[in-house]
């Protein structure tokens, strides 16, 4: 016993030192502020889009962010880990405080359990320069959720690394700022990829469903376990929002909840100096778009330059076409991307479209067509909303997008975005008829001081075309502190 106490006394300080080192495995603290200014009463698209809701769509504003993230590697073999983080945003003339991120993730090997809000792009688009995934693009504040995931491609056993997979299964909360209050989010994805050397070919499926919730003036919506199973399997069922019964009723219920998804395909080629990533996304609503007739696509190619010291780091080109939108059906039964007849808010969270920001909701459309379009007040009486038209007014878009990341003079990090779109509105084009052309551009620069972890940011955005002529300026500064494992 005495010998054990002596060994414990000797080993305890070493253990505490090891734990302290592990607890600071990847601590990151960030503080920053960004000012935005525009010539119109709203910002050019690429200043506010794809910032996870951090920057407001006002003529001028100041957005301040403060947060941290950390990771603990547990166990001698490093197979267990826990990650957590918090990021607060103050904007809207100091009137809003947003918990943009607040999460805990715990993992063993490749499997991860996660809870909270965290920034995540869902889809195989380029994460740095894309115009936005048709699934989850990073345009809106993250939706709070709990779930399990295999976040990175993982080898399938007994395939010698030739077959990999990843995916996730999530339950989320859509909150009160919706037509249907307190609705839930069901989200699942699954990807497979073949190849272990330079060439890899993959495919994936994303499924998103908003379901449950309640709304005064509507029948009771099914929130039961059986209702969840109907949503999970995307089967036809009466969730209470449609009269009648599935068996022989004149009114045939649609799928329970508001369903949409994306079918994906990828090709990757990598060597020591070059990376090529080709991706395709095909959207669908309910199951109408899961058809060989569907030609709507987001097509992209990303080239990464791996040469050390090269000025050009990455270039991305994309083509988007969503004009067809299930036109082989008659208009009254066609599904409209990101819209739903019961869950009228559609694929939107906290007044921002969750998917591609190239689609336009009523809030943004009211800037382009003042007096013709008014945003919905989701707390207004049901009679003021139902029958007045969809929330996503422009979801038939044809266009091209170019993005570049590069270095200027070995000091300035730069990003350029140039997007051209032809906008055809919805099935009933409304104010977008005849179609309207529009260009969105952004030039962004950043410089990190050599003597301290302080980064200066500046950006100029110009939108021009038949929807809006608008220029904006973005100026910011951020401070960053990193602490790595002392044993590394």
Protein backbone atom coordinates (compact mmCIF):
# COMPACT_ATOMS: atom_id res chain seq x y z
CA UNK A 1 0.00 0.00 0.00
CA UNK A 2 2.82 2.38 0.94
CA UNK A 3 4.60 1.57 -2.33
CA UNK A 4 1.42 2.33 -4.28
CA UNK A 5 1.09 5.71 -2.55
CA UNK A 6 4.69 6.57 -3.42
CA UNK A 7 4.12 5.66 -7.07
CA UNK A 8 0.89 7.68 -7.08
CA UNK A 9 2.68 10.69 -5.57
CA UNK A 10 5.38 10.51 -8.24
CA UNK A 11 3.05 9.91 -11.19
CA UNK A 12 0.23 12.33 -10.27
CA UNK A 13 2.09 15.56 -11.22
CA UNK A 14 3.14 13.94 -14.52
CA UNK A 15 -0.46 12.92 -15.17
CA UNK A 16 -1.78 16.42 -14.36
CA UNK A 17 0.84 17.96 -16.66
CA UNK A 18 -0.18 15.55 -19.43
CA UNK A 19 -3.88 16.35 -18.94
CA UNK A 20 -3.20 20.09 -18.95
CA UNK A 21 -1.33 19.70 -22.21
CA UNK A 22 -4.16 17.68 -23.70
CA UNK A 23 -6.76 20.22 -22.53
CA UNK A 24 -4.98 22.85 -24.61
CA UNK A 25 -4.63 20.59 -27.61
CA UNK A 26 -6.10 23.14 -30.04
CA UNK A 27 -7.46 26.13 -28.11
CA UNK A 28 -8.48 28.99 -30.40
CA UNK A 29 -9.75 32.37 -29.16
CA UNK A 30 -11.03 34.93 -31.66
CA UNK A 31 -12.33 38.48 -31.31
CA UNK A 32 -13.19 40.77 -34.20
CA UNK A 33 -15.44 43.47 -35.55
CA UNK A 34 -16.63 44.28 -39.08
CA UNK A 35 -18.25 47.45 -40.37
CA UNK A 36 -20.46 47.33 -43.48
CA UNK A 37 -21.65 50.27 -45.59
CA UNK A 38 -23.75 50.40 -48.78
CA UNK A 39 -25.16 52.92 -51.21
CA UNK A 40 -28.66 51.40 -50.90
CA UNK A 41 -30.63 50.61 -47.74
CA UNK A 42 -29.39 47.02 -48.03
CA UNK A 43 -26.07 45.30 -48.76
CA UNK A 44 -24.76 43.73 -51.98
CA UNK A 45 -25.32 39.99 -51.95
CA UNK A 46 -21.79 38.72 -51.32
CA UNK A 47 -21.21 40.99 -48.31
CA UNK A 48 -23.98 39.37 -46.24
CA UNK A 49 -24.32 35.91 -47.83
CA UNK A 50 -22.35 32.89 -46.63
CA UNK A 51 -21.41 34.39 -43.23
CA UNK A 52 -23.75 32.17 -41.18
CA UNK A 53 -26.00 35.14 -40.39
CA UNK A 54 -23.25 37.29 -38.82
CA UNK A 55 -23.68 40.38 -41.05
CA UNK A 56 -27.00 42.20 -41.35
CA UNK A 57 -28.65 43.41 -44.55
CA UNK A 58 -28.71 47.07 -43.51
CA UNK A 59 -27.29 50.21 -45.15
CA UNK A 60 -24.65 50.41 -42.40
CA UNK A 61 -23.91 48.28 -39.39
CA UNK A 62 -21.19 47.05 -37.05
CA UNK A 63 -20.89 43.32 -36.34
CA UNK A 64 -18.69 42.24 -33.42
CA UNK A 65 -17.80 38.62 -32.79
CA UNK A 66 -16.12 36.93 -29.84
CA UNK A 67 -15.63 33.21 -29.37
CA UNK A 68 -13.43 30.25 -28.74
CA UNK A 69 -13.08 26.58 -29.62
CA UNK A 70 -11.08 23.80 -28.02
CA UNK A 71 -10.42 20.08 -28.36
CA UNK A 72 -9.32 17.47 -25.86
CA UNK A 73 -7.62 14.31 -27.08
CA UNK A 74 -8.30 11.56 -24.55
CA UNK A 75 -6.57 8.22 -24.11
CA UNK A 76 -3.05 7.15 -24.94
CA UNK A 77 -3.96 6.20 -28.52
CA UNK A 78 -5.93 9.40 -29.17
CA UNK A 79 -9.08 7.55 -30.25
CA UNK A 80 -11.39 9.54 -27.96
CA UNK A 81 -11.89 13.27 -28.27
CA UNK A 82 -14.19 16.04 -27.16
CA UNK A 83 -14.61 19.40 -28.91
CA UNK A 84 -16.58 22.43 -27.85
CA UNK A 85 -16.93 26.07 -28.83
CA UNK A 86 -18.89 29.26 -28.45
CA UNK A 87 -19.19 32.28 -30.74
CA UNK A 88 -21.33 35.33 -29.95
CA UNK A 89 -22.27 37.98 -32.50
CA UNK A 90 -23.56 41.48 -31.76
CA UNK A 91 -25.06 43.38 -34.72
CA UNK A 92 -28.13 45.30 -35.93
CA UNK A 93 -26.91 48.60 -34.41
CA UNK A 94 -26.03 46.78 -31.17
CA UNK A 95 -29.62 45.52 -30.90
CA UNK A 96 -29.04 41.79 -31.51
CA UNK A 97 -26.89 39.25 -29.71
CA UNK A 98 -26.76 35.93 -31.58
CA UNK A 99 -25.32 32.66 -30.37
CA UNK A 100 -23.91 31.80 -33.78
CA UNK A 101 -22.08 28.77 -32.39
CA UNK A 102 -22.46 26.91 -29.12
CA UNK A 103 -21.70 23.22 -29.34
CA UNK A 104 -20.19 20.08 -27.86
CA UNK A 105 -18.91 17.20 -29.99
CA UNK A 106 -17.64 13.91 -28.59
CA UNK A 107 -16.09 11.23 -30.74
CA UNK A 108 -14.57 7.79 -30.75
CA UNK A 109 -12.43 6.99 -33.78
CA UNK A 110 -14.58 8.11 -36.73
CA UNK A 111 -17.98 8.32 -34.99
CA UNK A 112 -19.09 11.63 -33.51
CA UNK A 113 -21.99 12.70 -31.27
CA UNK A 114 -22.79 16.40 -31.58
CA UNK A 115 -25.17 18.88 -29.98
CA UNK A 116 -25.78 22.62 -30.35
CA UNK A 117 -25.22 25.18 -33.08
CA UNK A 118 -22.13 24.88 -35.25
CA UNK A 119 -21.06 26.20 -38.64
CA UNK A 120 -21.32 23.51 -41.28
CA UNK A 121 -21.79 23.38 -45.05
CA UNK A 122 -23.66 20.26 -46.19
CA UNK A 123 -22.85 19.23 -49.72
CA UNK A 124 -19.75 18.46 -51.72
CA UNK A 125 -19.36 21.99 -53.11
CA UNK A 126 -16.09 23.85 -52.56
CA UNK A 127 -16.30 25.24 -49.01
CA UNK A 128 -14.27 28.41 -49.72
CA UNK A 129 -15.44 29.81 -53.05
CA UNK A 130 -18.76 28.18 -54.02
CA UNK A 131 -21.90 30.22 -54.67
CA UNK A 132 -23.55 27.95 -52.12
CA UNK A 133 -24.72 24.39 -51.64
CA UNK A 134 -28.30 23.57 -52.60
CA UNK A 135 -28.51 21.75 -49.26
CA UNK A 136 -27.02 23.82 -46.40
CA UNK A 137 -24.80 26.62 -47.63
CA UNK A 138 -23.73 28.63 -44.60
CA UNK A 139 -26.05 31.49 -45.51
CA UNK A 140 -28.22 31.30 -42.37
CA UNK A 141 -27.48 31.13 -38.66
CA UNK A 142 -26.84 27.44 -37.84
CA UNK A 143 -29.95 25.52 -36.78
CA UNK A 144 -29.67 24.04 -33.23
CA UNK A 145 -29.50 20.26 -33.41
CA UNK A 146 -28.41 16.99 -31.89
CA UNK A 147 -27.16 14.05 -33.90
CA UNK A 148 -24.56 11.48 -34.77
CA UNK A 149 -22.15 11.67 -37.69
CA UNK A 150 -19.21 10.19 -39.47
CA UNK A 151 -17.96 13.63 -40.55
CA UNK A 152 -15.03 12.55 -42.70
CA UNK A 153 -14.69 9.84 -45.34
CA UNK A 154 -13.89 6.58 -43.54
CA UNK A 155 -12.71 3.27 -44.97
CA UNK A 156 -15.30 0.50 -45.22
CA UNK A 157 -13.88 -2.63 -43.55
CA UNK A 158 -12.46 -5.37 -45.78
CA UNK A 159 -12.19 -3.07 -48.85
CA UNK A 160 -8.47 -2.27 -48.44
CA UNK A 161 -9.30 1.44 -48.47
CA UNK A 162 -10.93 1.38 -51.89
CA UNK A 163 -14.42 2.18 -50.53
CA UNK A 164 -15.14 5.00 -48.09
CA UNK A 165 -18.30 6.49 -46.60
CA UNK A 166 -19.51 9.36 -44.43
CA UNK A 167 -22.87 10.74 -43.29
CA UNK A 168 -24.98 12.09 -40.49
CA UNK A 169 -28.36 11.74 -38.77
CA UNK A 170 -29.74 14.87 -37.07
CA UNK A 171 -32.73 16.20 -35.16
CA UNK A 172 -33.09 20.00 -35.04
CA UNK A 173 -35.36 22.79 -33.84
CA UNK A 174 -36.65 25.49 -36.24
CA UNK A 175 -37.91 27.83 -33.49
CA UNK A 176 -40.64 30.47 -33.40
CA UNK A 177 -39.66 32.65 -36.38
CA UNK A 178 -41.62 30.40 -38.74
CA UNK A 179 -45.17 30.09 -40.02
CA UNK A 180 -45.44 26.73 -38.24
CA UNK A 181 -44.14 27.35 -34.74
CA UNK A 182 -41.69 25.03 -32.97
CA UNK A 183 -41.36 22.72 -35.97
CA UNK A 184 -38.59 20.12 -35.98
CA UNK A 185 -35.88 19.42 -38.51
CA UNK A 186 -35.04 15.90 -39.66
CA UNK A 187 -31.78 15.73 -41.57
CA UNK A 188 -29.77 12.80 -42.87
CA UNK A 189 -27.00 12.42 -45.41
CA UNK A 190 -25.02 9.51 -46.79
CA UNK A 191 -22.03 9.52 -49.15
CA UNK A 192 -19.88 6.78 -50.64
CA UNK A 193 -16.61 7.15 -52.52
CA UNK A 194 -14.52 4.67 -54.53
CA UNK A 195 -10.77 4.99 -54.97
CA UNK A 196 -7.68 5.19 -52.75
CA UNK A 197 -5.03 6.73 -54.98
CA UNK A 198 -5.19 9.79 -57.23
CA UNK A 199 -8.69 9.22 -58.65
CA UNK A 200 -11.81 9.01 -56.45
CA UNK A 201 -15.44 8.90 -57.58
CA UNK A 202 -18.32 9.49 -55.18
CA UNK A 203 -22.08 9.86 -54.83
CA UNK A 204 -24.34 11.08 -52.06
CA UNK A 205 -27.88 11.82 -50.95
CA UNK A 206 -29.11 14.60 -48.65
CA UNK A 207 -32.59 14.56 -47.13
CA UNK A 208 -34.08 17.48 -45.17
CA UNK A 209 -37.59 17.57 -43.68
CA UNK A 210 -39.33 20.15 -41.52
CA UNK A 211 -42.19 18.55 -39.58
CA UNK A 212 -44.35 18.73 -36.48
CA UNK A 213 -44.95 22.04 -34.75
CA UNK A 214 -48.21 23.92 -34.28
CA UNK A 215 -50.10 26.89 -35.67
CA UNK A 216 -53.26 28.56 -34.40
CA UNK A 217 -55.97 28.17 -37.02
CA UNK A 218 -54.60 24.90 -38.40
CA UNK A 219 -55.51 21.35 -37.39
CA UNK A 220 -53.27 19.62 -34.83
CA UNK A 221 -50.06 18.43 -36.52
CA UNK A 222 -48.77 14.94 -35.79
CA UNK A 223 -45.72 15.14 -33.47
CA UNK A 224 -45.77 11.49 -32.48
CA UNK A 225 -43.17 8.75 -32.88
CA UNK A 226 -45.28 7.34 -35.69
CA UNK A 227 -45.26 10.79 -37.27
CA UNK A 228 -41.47 10.83 -37.05
CA UNK A 229 -41.31 7.44 -38.78
CA UNK A 230 -43.48 8.79 -41.60
CA UNK A 231 -41.04 11.68 -41.99
CA UNK A 232 -37.96 9.47 -41.72
CA UNK A 233 -39.22 7.17 -44.49
CA UNK A 234 -40.74 10.07 -46.49
CA UNK A 235 -43.93 8.12 -46.97
CA UNK A 236 -47.35 9.48 -47.85
CA UNK A 237 -49.36 10.05 -44.68
CA UNK A 238 -51.86 12.44 -43.17
CA UNK A 239 -49.98 14.45 -40.54
CA UNK A 240 -53.12 16.46 -39.75
CA UNK A 241 -52.45 19.32 -42.14
CA UNK A 242 -54.48 17.81 -45.00
CA UNK A 243 -58.05 16.61 -44.69
CA UNK A 244 -59.10 13.09 -45.49
CA UNK A 245 -57.48 9.71 -45.18
CA UNK A 246 -54.76 8.12 -47.28
CA UNK A 247 -56.93 5.14 -48.05
CA UNK A 248 -59.22 6.04 -50.94
CA UNK A 249 -59.76 9.66 -49.94
CA UNK A 250 -60.56 12.18 -52.63
CA UNK A 251 -57.92 14.42 -51.01
CA UNK A 252 -54.70 12.48 -51.20
CA UNK A 253 -52.23 13.60 -48.49
CA UNK A 254 -48.70 14.45 -49.48
CA UNK A 255 -45.68 13.32 -47.49
CA UNK A 256 -45.84 14.26 -43.81
CA UNK A 257 -43.90 17.47 -43.30
CA UNK A 258 -41.94 19.59 -45.79
CA UNK A 259 -39.38 17.46 -47.65
CA UNK A 260 -36.49 18.34 -49.94
CA UNK A 261 -33.08 16.98 -50.80
CA UNK A 262 -30.08 16.85 -53.07
CA UNK A 263 -28.53 14.03 -55.11
CA UNK A 264 -24.78 14.50 -55.54
CA UNK A 265 -21.91 13.18 -57.59
CA UNK A 266 -18.19 13.92 -57.31
CA UNK A 267 -14.90 13.16 -59.09
CA UNK A 268 -11.57 13.96 -57.40
CA UNK A 269 -8.06 13.89 -58.81
CA UNK A 270 -5.13 14.64 -56.49
CA UNK A 271 -1.36 14.50 -56.74
CA UNK A 272 1.50 16.37 -55.06
CA UNK A 273 1.02 19.61 -56.97
CA UNK A 274 -2.61 19.66 -58.17
CA UNK A 275 -6.07 19.00 -56.80
CA UNK A 276 -9.18 18.79 -59.00
CA UNK A 277 -12.66 18.46 -57.51
CA UNK A 278 -15.71 18.13 -59.79
CA UNK A 279 -19.16 18.15 -58.23
CA UNK A 280 -22.79 17.95 -59.29
CA UNK A 281 -25.91 18.66 -57.22
CA UNK A 282 -29.45 17.82 -58.38
CA UNK A 283 -32.24 19.27 -56.18
CA UNK A 284 -35.63 17.72 -55.53
CA UNK A 285 -38.77 18.54 -53.54
CA UNK A 286 -40.64 15.61 -52.02
CA UNK A 287 -39.82 13.03 -54.68
CA UNK A 288 -40.82 14.85 -57.87
CA UNK A 289 -37.28 15.79 -58.84
CA UNK A 290 -35.91 12.27 -58.29
CA UNK A 291 -36.50 11.56 -61.94
CA UNK A 292 -34.32 11.08 -64.99
CA UNK A 293 -36.28 13.95 -66.56
CA UNK A 294 -34.80 16.37 -64.03
CA UNK A 295 -32.08 18.48 -65.67
CA UNK A 296 -31.79 21.08 -62.88
CA UNK A 297 -28.20 21.13 -61.63
CA UNK A 298 -25.44 22.91 -59.82
CA UNK A 299 -22.21 21.92 -61.61
CA UNK A 300 -18.81 22.93 -60.29
CA UNK A 301 -15.09 22.40 -60.70
CA UNK A 302 -12.43 23.45 -58.18
CA UNK A 303 -8.73 23.58 -59.00
CA UNK A 304 -6.27 23.74 -56.08
CA UNK A 305 -2.65 24.73 -56.73
CA UNK A 306 -0.33 22.94 -54.26
CA UNK A 307 2.94 24.48 -55.47
CA UNK A 308 4.70 26.09 -52.52
CA UNK A 309 4.91 29.84 -52.91
CA UNK A 310 2.44 30.01 -55.81
CA UNK A 311 0.36 33.18 -56.02
CA UNK A 312 -2.82 31.36 -57.14
CA UNK A 313 -4.18 29.00 -54.50
CA UNK A 314 -7.61 27.99 -55.78
CA UNK A 315 -10.06 28.73 -58.60
CA UNK A 316 -13.70 27.58 -58.73
CA UNK A 317 -16.17 27.71 -61.61
CA UNK A 318 -19.87 26.84 -61.28
CA UNK A 319 -22.97 26.70 -63.46
CA UNK A 320 -26.46 26.68 -61.94
CA UNK A 321 -29.68 25.80 -63.75
CA UNK A 322 -32.97 25.42 -61.84
CA UNK A 323 -35.39 26.76 -64.46
CA UNK A 324 -37.02 23.42 -65.27
CA UNK A 325 -38.40 22.72 -61.77
CA UNK A 326 -40.50 19.62 -62.47
CA UNK A 327 -42.20 21.09 -65.54
CA UNK A 328 -43.37 17.66 -66.68
CA UNK A 329 -46.13 18.03 -64.05
CA UNK A 330 -49.08 20.40 -64.41
CA UNK A 331 -48.61 23.69 -62.53
CA UNK A 332 -51.06 23.04 -59.72
CA UNK A 333 -49.20 19.94 -58.51
CA UNK A 334 -45.62 21.01 -59.25
CA UNK A 335 -43.30 21.25 -56.26
CA UNK A 336 -41.51 24.58 -55.94
CA UNK A 337 -37.91 24.55 -54.67
CA UNK A 338 -37.63 25.59 -51.00
CA UNK A 339 -41.41 26.26 -50.75
CA UNK A 340 -44.28 24.31 -49.18
CA UNK A 341 -48.05 24.77 -49.02
CA UNK A 342 -48.27 24.18 -45.25
CA UNK A 343 -44.82 25.07 -43.94
CA UNK A 344 -44.99 28.43 -45.69
CA UNK A 345 -41.64 29.72 -44.44
CA UNK A 346 -39.96 27.09 -46.59
CA UNK A 347 -36.24 26.30 -46.47
CA UNK A 348 -35.41 29.37 -44.42
CA UNK A 349 -34.20 29.96 -40.86
CA UNK A 350 -34.06 33.26 -38.99
CA UNK A 351 -34.99 35.17 -42.18
CA UNK A 352 -32.16 33.67 -44.26
CA UNK A 353 -32.39 30.98 -46.93
CA UNK A 354 -30.65 27.84 -45.67
CA UNK A 355 -29.56 26.68 -49.13
CA UNK A 356 -28.18 28.66 -52.06
CA UNK A 357 -28.30 32.45 -51.57
CA UNK A 358 -28.86 32.81 -55.33
CA UNK A 359 -32.54 32.08 -54.64
CA UNK A 360 -34.47 35.10 -53.36
CA UNK A 361 -37.04 35.26 -50.57
CA UNK A 362 -39.65 37.92 -49.90
CA UNK A 363 -37.36 39.96 -47.65
CA UNK A 364 -34.72 40.35 -50.35
CA UNK A 365 -37.32 40.72 -53.10
CA UNK A 366 -38.92 43.62 -51.22
CA UNK A 367 -35.60 45.48 -51.64
CA UNK A 368 -35.65 44.87 -55.39
CA UNK A 369 -39.38 45.60 -55.84
CA UNK A 370 -40.42 48.12 -53.17
CA UNK A 371 -44.17 48.50 -53.01
CA UNK A 372 -44.77 45.35 -55.04
CA UNK A 373 -43.48 42.75 -52.57
CA UNK A 374 -43.85 42.72 -48.80
CA UNK A 375 -42.18 40.29 -46.38
CA UNK A 376 -44.41 38.09 -44.27
CA UNK A 377 -44.89 38.65 -40.56
CA UNK A 378 -44.92 35.07 -39.31
CA UNK A 379 -46.85 36.14 -36.19
CA UNK A 380 -49.65 37.76 -38.22
CA UNK A 381 -53.10 36.12 -38.41
CA UNK A 382 -53.17 33.10 -40.67
CA UNK A 383 -55.56 34.85 -43.08
CA UNK A 384 -52.92 37.53 -43.75
CA UNK A 385 -50.44 34.90 -44.96
CA UNK A 386 -52.17 31.88 -46.50
CA UNK A 387 -53.15 32.35 -50.10
CA UNK A 388 -50.83 35.31 -50.60
CA UNK A 389 -48.13 33.36 -52.47
CA UNK A 390 -44.87 31.60 -51.61
CA UNK A 391 -42.07 32.96 -49.44
CA UNK A 392 -39.24 32.04 -51.83
CA UNK A 393 -40.19 34.18 -54.83
CA UNK A 394 -37.21 33.51 -57.09
CA UNK A 395 -36.02 29.90 -57.34
CA UNK A 396 -35.75 29.46 -61.12
CA UNK A 397 -32.22 30.67 -61.80
CA UNK A 398 -29.71 30.19 -64.62
CA UNK A 399 -26.21 31.53 -64.13
CA UNK A 400 -22.47 31.18 -63.78
CA UNK A 401 -20.09 31.79 -60.89
CA UNK A 402 -16.32 32.29 -60.64
CA UNK A 403 -14.27 32.35 -57.45
CA UNK A 404 -10.52 32.80 -56.89
CA UNK A 405 -8.18 32.68 -53.88
CA UNK A 406 -4.71 34.12 -54.32
CA UNK A 407 -1.84 36.09 -52.78
CA UNK A 408 -0.78 39.59 -53.80
CA UNK A 409 2.85 40.52 -53.21
CA UNK A 410 3.40 37.67 -50.73
CA UNK A 411 1.55 39.67 -48.06
CA UNK A 412 -2.09 40.19 -48.98
CA UNK A 413 -4.52 37.28 -49.08
CA UNK A 414 -7.24 37.93 -51.66
CA UNK A 415 -10.59 36.49 -52.73
CA UNK A 416 -12.61 37.40 -55.82
CA UNK A 417 -16.22 36.38 -56.52
CA UNK A 418 -18.06 37.13 -59.77
CA UNK A 419 -21.59 35.81 -60.34
CA UNK A 420 -24.03 36.31 -63.21
CA UNK A 421 -27.66 35.15 -62.97
CA UNK A 422 -30.80 35.25 -65.07
CA UNK A 423 -33.74 35.18 -62.63
CA UNK A 424 -37.08 33.74 -63.70
CA UNK A 425 -38.98 33.94 -60.41
CA UNK A 426 -41.20 31.08 -59.30
CA UNK A 427 -43.62 28.92 -61.31
CA UNK A 428 -45.73 32.05 -61.48
CA UNK A 429 -42.92 34.53 -62.12
CA UNK A 430 -44.63 37.52 -60.47
CA UNK A 431 -42.37 40.61 -60.31
CA UNK A 432 -39.54 38.63 -61.94
CA UNK A 433 -41.47 38.49 -65.24
CA UNK A 434 -39.97 38.98 -67.71
CA UNK A 435 -36.76 37.44 -66.40
CA UNK A 436 -34.23 39.78 -64.80
CA UNK A 437 -30.46 39.60 -65.22
CA UNK A 438 -28.14 40.43 -62.34
CA UNK A 439 -24.41 40.42 -61.49
CA UNK A 440 -22.95 40.06 -58.00
CA UNK A 441 -19.26 40.77 -57.36
CA UNK A 442 -16.87 40.89 -54.39
CA UNK A 443 -13.18 41.68 -53.95
CA UNK A 444 -11.86 40.88 -50.48
CA UNK A 445 -8.35 41.45 -49.03
CA UNK A 446 -6.78 40.50 -45.70
CA UNK A 447 -3.39 41.21 -44.15
CA UNK A 448 -1.97 39.65 -40.97
CA UNK A 449 0.52 41.78 -39.08
CA UNK A 450 3.91 40.05 -38.78
CA UNK A 451 4.49 41.08 -35.14
CA UNK A 452 1.13 40.16 -33.63
CA UNK A 453 -1.89 37.91 -34.42
CA UNK A 454 -3.94 40.80 -35.75
CA UNK A 455 -5.62 40.58 -39.17
CA UNK A 456 -7.04 43.49 -41.14
CA UNK A 457 -9.89 42.81 -43.60
CA UNK A 458 -11.36 44.92 -46.40
CA UNK A 459 -13.90 44.14 -49.09
CA UNK A 460 -15.68 45.95 -51.90
CA UNK A 461 -18.85 44.51 -53.46
CA UNK A 462 -20.76 45.79 -56.47
CA UNK A 463 -24.11 44.44 -57.68
CA UNK A 464 -25.53 45.64 -60.98
CA UNK A 465 -28.29 44.61 -63.36
CA UNK A 466 -32.06 44.66 -63.71
CA UNK A 467 -32.68 43.88 -60.01
CA UNK A 468 -30.35 46.31 -58.28
CA UNK A 469 -27.41 48.67 -58.70
CA UNK A 470 -25.65 48.72 -55.35
CA UNK A 471 -22.12 49.10 -53.97
CA UNK A 472 -20.88 48.13 -50.55
CA UNK A 473 -17.76 48.38 -48.40
CA UNK A 474 -16.63 46.03 -45.65
CA UNK A 475 -13.85 46.91 -43.16
CA UNK A 476 -12.82 44.73 -40.26
CA UNK A 477 -10.15 43.73 -37.78
CA UNK A 478 -9.76 40.45 -35.89
CA UNK A 479 -7.43 39.16 -33.18
CA UNK A 480 -6.63 35.47 -32.83
CA UNK A 481 -4.90 33.46 -30.12
CA UNK A 482 -3.90 29.84 -30.59
CA UNK A 483 -2.53 27.38 -28.03
CA UNK A 484 -1.40 23.97 -29.23
CA UNK A 485 -0.55 20.81 -27.32
CA UNK A 486 2.68 21.47 -25.41
CA UNK A 487 3.80 17.94 -26.22
CA UNK A 488 3.61 18.49 -29.98
